[in-house]
Amino acid sequence: NIFVPNTFTPNKDGLNDEFFPVLPDSIKNYELLIFNRWGELVFSTTKKEESWDGTYNSTPVPNDIFVWKITYTGTRKTKTIIGHVLVNR
């Protein structure tokens, strides 16, 4: 089971400043992609421990909804899930 938050607040107050899915240890071959409303890729990682800090090219993104896409291999097959996250500074 994967838990993906639907909001985070990258305002440097020490609470919910980074976006990261909570993943079980059994997941392999993980990839997280985050896109803005125009479909532009603003963040990507293949490291389960890496989070998004709400920036793009070292510049804070505006308050908005961003689409995320996670592709991973579970115990038997590869799956893709898609959702959205609200950046609320």
C-alpha atoms as a PDB file:
ATOM      1  CA  ASN A   1       0.000   0.000   0.000  1.00  0.00           C
ATOM      2  CA  ILE A   2       1.233   3.463  -0.927  1.00  0.00           C
ATOM      3  CA  PHE A   3       0.130   6.624   0.857  1.00  0.00           C
ATOM      4  CA  VAL A   4       0.458   9.843  -1.154  1.00  0.00           C
ATOM      5  CA  PRO A   5      -0.439  13.147   0.548  1.00  0.00           C
ATOM      6  CA  ASN A   6      -2.738  15.487  -1.382  1.00  0.00           C
ATOM      7  CA  THR A   7      -1.341  18.743   0.068  1.00  0.00           C
ATOM      8  CA  PHE A   8       1.944  20.093   1.367  1.00  0.00           C
ATOM      9  CA  THR A   9       3.120  23.472   2.595  1.00  0.00           C
ATOM     10  CA  PRO A  10       6.714  24.268   1.572  1.00  0.00           C
ATOM     11  CA  ASN A  11       6.907  27.459   3.628  1.00  0.00           C
ATOM     12  CA  LYS A  12       9.947  26.462   5.736  1.00  0.00           C
ATOM     13  CA  ASP A  13       8.046  26.271   9.024  1.00  0.00           C
ATOM     14  CA  GLY A  14       9.273  22.716   9.605  1.00  0.00           C
ATOM     15  CA  LEU A  15       5.822  21.133   9.060  1.00  0.00           C
ATOM     16  CA  ASN A  16       4.898  19.379   5.794  1.00  0.00           C
ATOM     17  CA  ASP A  17       7.621  21.247   3.910  1.00  0.00           C
ATOM     18  CA  GLU A  18       8.338  18.377   1.501  1.00  0.00           C
ATOM     19  CA  PHE A  19       6.209  16.102  -0.654  1.00  0.00           C
ATOM     20  CA  PHE A  20       6.964  12.414  -0.550  1.00  0.00           C
ATOM     21  CA  PRO A  21       4.903   9.255  -0.876  1.00  0.00           C
ATOM     22  CA  VAL A  22       5.077   6.718   1.945  1.00  0.00           C
ATOM     23  CA  LEU A  23       6.207   3.498   0.317  1.00  0.00           C
ATOM     24  CA  PRO A  24       6.489  -0.075   1.544  1.00  0.00           C
ATOM     25  CA  ASP A  25       9.942  -1.684   1.520  1.00  0.00           C
ATOM     26  CA  SER A  26       8.798  -4.232  -1.084  1.00  0.00           C
ATOM     27  CA  ILE A  27       8.663  -1.609  -3.869  1.00  0.00           C
ATOM     28  CA  LYS A  28      11.394  -1.793  -6.481  1.00  0.00           C
ATOM     29  CA  ASN A  29      12.190   0.224  -9.626  1.00  0.00           C
ATOM     30  CA  TYR A  30      10.448   3.341  -8.309  1.00  0.00           C
ATOM     31  CA  GLU A  31       9.974   6.546 -10.305  1.00  0.00           C
ATOM     32  CA  LEU A  32       8.155   9.729  -9.240  1.00  0.00           C
ATOM     33  CA  LEU A  33       7.342  12.439 -11.783  1.00  0.00           C
ATOM     34  CA  ILE A  34       5.638  15.755 -10.954  1.00  0.00           C
ATOM     35  CA  PHE A  35       4.113  18.015 -13.619  1.00  0.00           C
ATOM     36  CA  ASN A  36       2.665  21.512 -13.541  1.00  0.00           C
ATOM     37  CA  ARG A  37      -0.744  22.349 -15.034  1.00  0.00           C
ATOM     38  CA  TRP A  38       0.798  22.755 -18.509  1.00  0.00           C
ATOM     39  CA  GLY A  39       2.342  19.280 -18.449  1.00  0.00           C
ATOM     40  CA  GLU A  40       5.881  20.534 -17.863  1.00  0.00           C
ATOM     41  CA  LEU A  41       8.002  18.172 -15.759  1.00  0.00           C
ATOM     42  CA  VAL A  42       9.034  20.056 -12.605  1.00  0.00           C
ATOM     43  CA  PHE A  43      10.524  17.189 -10.552  1.00  0.00           C
ATOM     44  CA  SER A  44      11.602  13.592 -11.018  1.00  0.00           C
ATOM     45  CA  THR A  45      13.378  10.980  -8.958  1.00  0.00           C
ATOM     46  CA  THR A  46      14.039   7.266  -8.852  1.00  0.00           C
ATOM     47  CA  LYS A  47      15.149   7.349  -5.201  1.00  0.00           C
ATOM     48  CA  LYS A  48      12.469   6.295  -2.696  1.00  0.00           C
ATOM     49  CA  GLU A  49      14.011   8.482   0.023  1.00  0.00           C
ATOM     50  CA  GLU A  50      14.102  11.667  -2.099  1.00  0.00           C
ATOM     51  CA  SER A  51      11.336  14.253  -1.661  1.00  0.00           C
ATOM     52  CA  TRP A  52      10.157  17.310  -3.598  1.00  0.00           C
ATOM     53  CA  ASP A  53      10.693  20.645  -1.871  1.00  0.00           C
ATOM     54  CA  GLY A  54       8.195  22.596  -3.994  1.00  0.00           C
ATOM     55  CA  THR A  55      10.744  24.209  -6.273  1.00  0.00           C
ATOM     56  CA  TYR A  56      11.452  24.122  -9.988  1.00  0.00           C
ATOM     57  CA  ASN A  57      14.921  25.159 -11.195  1.00  0.00           C
ATOM     58  CA  SER A  58      15.637  26.283  -7.603  1.00  0.00           C
ATOM     59  CA  THR A  59      12.654  28.688  -7.670  1.00  0.00           C
ATOM     60  CA  PRO A  60       9.577  28.133  -5.464  1.00  0.00           C
ATOM     61  CA  VAL A  61       6.546  27.075  -7.491  1.00  0.00           C
ATOM     62  CA  PRO A  62       3.301  29.041  -6.983  1.00  0.00           C
ATOM     63  CA  ASN A  63       0.345  27.805  -4.980  1.00  0.00           C
ATOM     64  CA  ASP A  64      -1.269  25.428  -7.432  1.00  0.00           C
ATOM     65  CA  ILE A  65      -2.225  21.832  -8.089  1.00  0.00           C
ATOM     66  CA  PHE A  66       0.468  19.576  -9.548  1.00  0.00           C
ATOM     67  CA  VAL A  67       0.018  16.136 -11.081  1.00  0.00           C
ATOM     68  CA  TRP A  68       2.195  13.284  -9.884  1.00  0.00           C
ATOM     69  CA  LYS A  69       2.833   9.940 -11.546  1.00  0.00           C
ATOM     70  CA  ILE A  70       4.418   7.007  -9.745  1.00  0.00           C
ATOM     71  CA  THR A  71       5.631   3.917 -11.565  1.00  0.00           C
ATOM     72  CA  TYR A  72       6.932   1.038  -9.466  1.00  0.00           C
ATOM     73  CA  THR A  73       7.445  -2.670  -9.386  1.00  0.00           C
ATOM     74  CA  GLY A  74       5.678  -4.427  -6.550  1.00  0.00           C
ATOM     75  CA  THR A  75       6.003  -8.041  -5.582  1.00  0.00           C
ATOM     76  CA  ARG A  76       4.995  -9.325  -9.011  1.00  0.00           C
ATOM     77  CA  LYS A  77       4.287  -6.646 -11.600  1.00  0.00           C
ATOM     78  CA  THR A  78       4.887  -3.041 -12.592  1.00  0.00           C
ATOM     79  CA  LYS A  79       2.127  -0.537 -11.834  1.00  0.00           C
ATOM     80  CA  THR A  80       1.505   3.146 -12.496  1.00  0.00           C
ATOM     81  CA  ILE A  81      -0.624   5.396 -10.316  1.00  0.00           C
ATOM     82  CA  ILE A  82      -1.511   9.038 -10.965  1.00  0.00           C
ATOM     83  CA  GLY A  83      -2.876  11.725  -8.674  1.00  0.00           C
ATOM     84  CA  HIS A  84      -2.496  15.358  -7.701  1.00  0.00           C
ATOM     85  CA  VAL A  85      -1.005  17.410  -4.900  1.00  0.00           C
ATOM     86  CA  LEU A  86      -1.793  20.964  -3.817  1.00  0.00           C
ATOM     87  CA  VAL A  87       1.134  23.259  -3.035  1.00  0.00           C
ATOM     88  CA  ASN A  88      -0.110  25.691  -0.406  1.00  0.00           C
ATOM     89  CA  ARG A  89       2.547  28.029   0.959  1.00  0.00           C
END
